[in-house]
């Protein structure tokens, strides 16, 4: 993969085989994953996605859910954290102390998913929402337009991360649930 260190966030799919898009996040690890194109919680005890093998600084291992080994063409997108450019991590949802997520940069694009519960994979960006509160949301796993998400998805995009501004959304802030995120910088340092 030539990233120079282990990928922290990946999306894979066979190009000539009907299947879901599979997502890897470092928090879930190779013992599970997400079906990126459908509304599901993370699978945390299923090695079929990545064969139970953590990616390393050179190689990514695909599991049997990706189709018969050696018989399909794949597309794989892989990223790792780069200071001032990209950040991948988790935060705990809280109804009393709304989470602030430090990325070290002002995000241009953010993806959030509830790891513990089936919910949408919500996407924020500063092209559609240049001012706070950001609430123009798209769902990566849905054909719904951004108007489908009227309230309960508000957050502020800040100079050093983002702050959740709602306590009502299972997708971005369900109390006591772990949420995974991927963020890319607006102006990389």
Protein backbone atom coordinates (compact mmCIF):
# COMPACT_ATOMS: atom_id res chain seq x y z
CA UNK A 1 0.00 0.00 0.00
CA UNK A 2 3.06 2.30 0.27
CA UNK A 3 1.73 4.49 3.12
CA UNK A 4 4.92 4.02 5.12
CA UNK A 5 2.97 2.92 8.21
CA UNK A 6 -0.08 0.79 8.97
CA UNK A 7 -3.40 2.07 7.57
CA UNK A 8 -5.87 3.33 10.17
CA UNK A 9 -8.89 3.67 7.88
CA UNK A 10 -9.69 1.61 4.77
CA UNK A 11 -12.58 1.00 2.41
CA UNK A 12 -12.53 -2.04 0.09
CA UNK A 13 -14.76 -3.70 -2.48
CA UNK A 14 -14.47 -6.24 -5.25
CA UNK A 15 -15.04 -4.52 -8.59
CA UNK A 16 -16.34 -7.62 -10.37
CA UNK A 17 -18.31 -9.26 -7.56
CA UNK A 18 -21.60 -8.18 -5.94
CA UNK A 19 -20.97 -7.39 -2.28
CA UNK A 20 -20.98 -4.63 0.31
CA UNK A 21 -18.26 -2.04 0.69
CA UNK A 22 -16.19 -3.02 3.73
CA UNK A 23 -14.68 -0.43 6.06
CA UNK A 24 -11.75 -0.89 8.42
CA UNK A 25 -11.17 1.51 11.30
CA UNK A 26 -8.18 1.09 13.61
CA UNK A 27 -10.46 1.06 16.68
CA UNK A 28 -12.42 -1.97 15.46
CA UNK A 29 -9.29 -3.65 14.13
CA UNK A 30 -8.96 -6.69 11.89
CA UNK A 31 -11.33 -8.70 14.09
CA UNK A 32 -14.27 -6.94 12.47
CA UNK A 33 -15.36 -4.00 10.39
CA UNK A 34 -18.33 -2.12 9.00
CA UNK A 35 -20.53 -2.61 5.97
CA UNK A 36 -19.93 0.91 4.69
CA UNK A 37 -22.90 1.10 2.31
CA UNK A 38 -25.60 -0.11 4.73
CA UNK A 39 -26.89 1.01 8.12
CA UNK A 40 -25.11 -1.37 10.56
CA UNK A 41 -23.10 -1.31 13.75
CA UNK A 42 -19.51 -2.51 13.62
CA UNK A 43 -18.86 -6.22 13.60
CA UNK A 44 -16.26 -6.67 16.33
CA UNK A 45 -15.85 -10.45 16.40
CA UNK A 46 -15.79 -11.36 12.73
CA UNK A 47 -12.48 -12.04 10.99
CA UNK A 48 -14.03 -12.45 7.54
CA UNK A 49 -13.37 -8.84 6.57
CA UNK A 50 -9.60 -8.67 7.03
CA UNK A 51 -8.84 -12.32 7.82
CA UNK A 52 -8.12 -11.31 11.44
CA UNK A 53 -4.77 -9.87 10.35
CA UNK A 54 -3.97 -6.27 11.29
CA UNK A 55 -2.54 -4.24 8.40
CA UNK A 56 1.12 -3.40 8.76
CA UNK A 57 3.42 -0.84 7.17
CA UNK A 58 3.47 -2.83 3.90
CA UNK A 59 0.53 -5.21 3.53
CA UNK A 60 -3.26 -5.32 3.90
CA UNK A 61 -4.87 -8.78 4.13
CA UNK A 62 -8.37 -9.27 2.73
CA UNK A 63 -10.66 -11.88 4.27
CA UNK A 64 -13.12 -14.33 2.75
CA UNK A 65 -16.01 -11.82 2.73
CA UNK A 66 -14.22 -10.02 -0.03
CA UNK A 67 -14.84 -12.91 -2.39
CA UNK A 68 -12.75 -15.90 -3.33
CA UNK A 69 -9.08 -15.05 -2.96
CA UNK A 70 -7.29 -14.44 -6.21
CA UNK A 71 -10.41 -14.45 -8.37
CA UNK A 72 -11.62 -10.84 -8.12
CA UNK A 73 -10.34 -7.36 -8.87
CA UNK A 74 -10.47 -5.03 -5.87
CA UNK A 75 -10.44 -1.36 -5.17
CA UNK A 76 -8.93 -0.45 -1.78
CA UNK A 77 -8.67 3.04 -0.36
CA UNK A 78 -6.31 3.26 2.62
CA UNK A 79 -5.31 6.18 4.84
CA UNK A 80 -3.24 6.76 7.94
CA UNK A 81 -3.04 9.75 10.28
CA UNK A 82 -0.71 12.49 9.12
CA UNK A 83 -0.20 15.33 11.58
CA UNK A 84 -1.92 18.48 10.35
CA UNK A 85 -3.60 16.61 7.48
CA UNK A 86 -5.70 13.63 8.60
CA UNK A 87 -6.97 12.13 11.84
CA UNK A 88 -8.78 8.88 12.66
CA UNK A 89 -10.10 8.00 16.10
CA UNK A 90 -13.01 7.58 18.47
CA UNK A 91 -14.98 9.45 21.08
CA UNK A 92 -17.63 8.46 23.59
CA UNK A 93 -21.12 9.87 23.21
CA UNK A 94 -22.43 11.91 26.13
CA UNK A 95 -25.74 13.65 26.73
CA UNK A 96 -24.36 15.77 29.59
CA UNK A 97 -20.89 16.77 28.35
CA UNK A 98 -21.07 17.15 24.56
CA UNK A 99 -17.86 15.75 23.04
CA UNK A 100 -15.05 17.87 21.59
CA UNK A 101 -12.78 15.93 19.21
CA UNK A 102 -9.24 17.26 18.82
CA UNK A 103 -7.76 16.67 15.36
CA UNK A 104 -4.96 19.26 15.40
CA UNK A 105 -6.40 21.06 12.36
CA UNK A 106 -9.59 22.62 11.04
CA UNK A 107 -11.42 19.79 9.28
CA UNK A 108 -12.64 20.19 5.70
CA UNK A 109 -14.36 16.79 5.62
CA UNK A 110 -15.57 14.57 8.51
CA UNK A 111 -17.12 11.10 8.53
CA UNK A 112 -18.75 9.83 11.75
CA UNK A 113 -20.32 6.45 12.57
CA UNK A 114 -21.72 4.93 15.74
CA UNK A 115 -19.67 1.80 16.31
CA UNK A 116 -22.08 0.26 18.82
CA UNK A 117 -25.41 0.75 17.08
CA UNK A 118 -26.83 0.71 13.56
CA UNK A 119 -26.84 4.30 12.29
CA UNK A 120 -25.94 6.30 9.22
CA UNK A 121 -22.35 7.07 8.25
CA UNK A 122 -22.71 10.85 8.29
CA UNK A 123 -20.48 13.22 6.31
CA UNK A 124 -19.85 16.91 6.99
CA UNK A 125 -17.82 19.30 4.86
CA UNK A 126 -17.08 23.01 4.77
CA UNK A 127 -17.93 23.33 1.06
CA UNK A 128 -21.64 22.94 1.77
CA UNK A 129 -21.61 24.38 5.30
CA UNK A 130 -19.02 27.15 5.54
CA UNK A 131 -20.30 28.52 8.88
CA UNK A 132 -21.15 26.96 12.24
CA UNK A 133 -23.30 25.25 13.23
CA UNK A 134 -22.67 22.68 10.58
CA UNK A 135 -25.79 20.67 9.91
CA UNK A 136 -25.78 19.97 6.15
CA UNK A 137 -25.26 16.24 6.42
CA UNK A 138 -25.01 13.51 3.83
CA UNK A 139 -25.13 9.81 4.67
CA UNK A 140 -22.55 7.68 2.87
CA UNK A 141 -24.81 4.64 3.18
CA UNK A 142 -27.97 6.29 1.87
CA UNK A 143 -29.39 7.87 -1.27
CA UNK A 144 -31.16 10.50 0.87
CA UNK A 145 -30.38 14.14 0.16
CA UNK A 146 -29.02 16.42 2.85
CA UNK A 147 -32.50 17.85 3.47
CA UNK A 148 -33.44 14.50 5.02
CA UNK A 149 -31.37 15.34 8.10
CA UNK A 150 -33.15 18.37 9.52
CA UNK A 151 -32.05 18.35 13.17
CA UNK A 152 -30.06 16.27 15.61
CA UNK A 153 -26.88 16.33 13.52
CA UNK A 154 -25.38 19.71 14.50
CA UNK A 155 -21.68 20.18 15.17
CA UNK A 156 -19.16 23.02 15.05
CA UNK A 157 -16.08 22.73 12.85
CA UNK A 158 -13.28 24.50 14.76
CA UNK A 159 -9.66 25.47 14.12
CA UNK A 160 -8.38 22.38 15.96
CA UNK A 161 -11.17 19.82 15.64
CA UNK A 162 -14.92 19.62 15.96
CA UNK A 163 -17.50 19.91 18.75
CA UNK A 164 -20.76 17.94 18.85
CA UNK A 165 -23.70 20.29 19.44
CA UNK A 166 -26.56 17.83 19.83
CA UNK A 167 -27.48 15.22 22.40
CA UNK A 168 -30.22 13.64 20.31
CA UNK A 169 -28.41 11.86 17.50
CA UNK A 170 -27.50 8.19 17.64
CA UNK A 171 -25.33 8.70 14.57
CA UNK A 172 -22.97 11.30 16.09
CA UNK A 173 -23.70 11.37 19.83
CA UNK A 174 -25.48 8.43 21.39
CA UNK A 175 -24.90 8.42 25.13
CA UNK A 176 -22.25 5.89 26.26
CA UNK A 177 -21.67 4.64 22.70
CA UNK A 178 -18.34 4.70 20.90
CA UNK A 179 -18.29 6.74 17.69
CA UNK A 180 -15.53 6.43 15.08
CA UNK A 181 -14.46 9.32 12.88
CA UNK A 182 -12.24 10.13 9.93
CA UNK A 183 -11.27 13.76 9.31
CA UNK A 184 -9.22 15.56 6.67
CA UNK A 185 -7.81 19.09 6.98
CA UNK A 186 -9.16 22.18 5.29
CA UNK A 187 -5.70 23.73 4.92
CA UNK A 188 -3.05 21.12 5.72
CA UNK A 189 -0.20 22.45 7.85
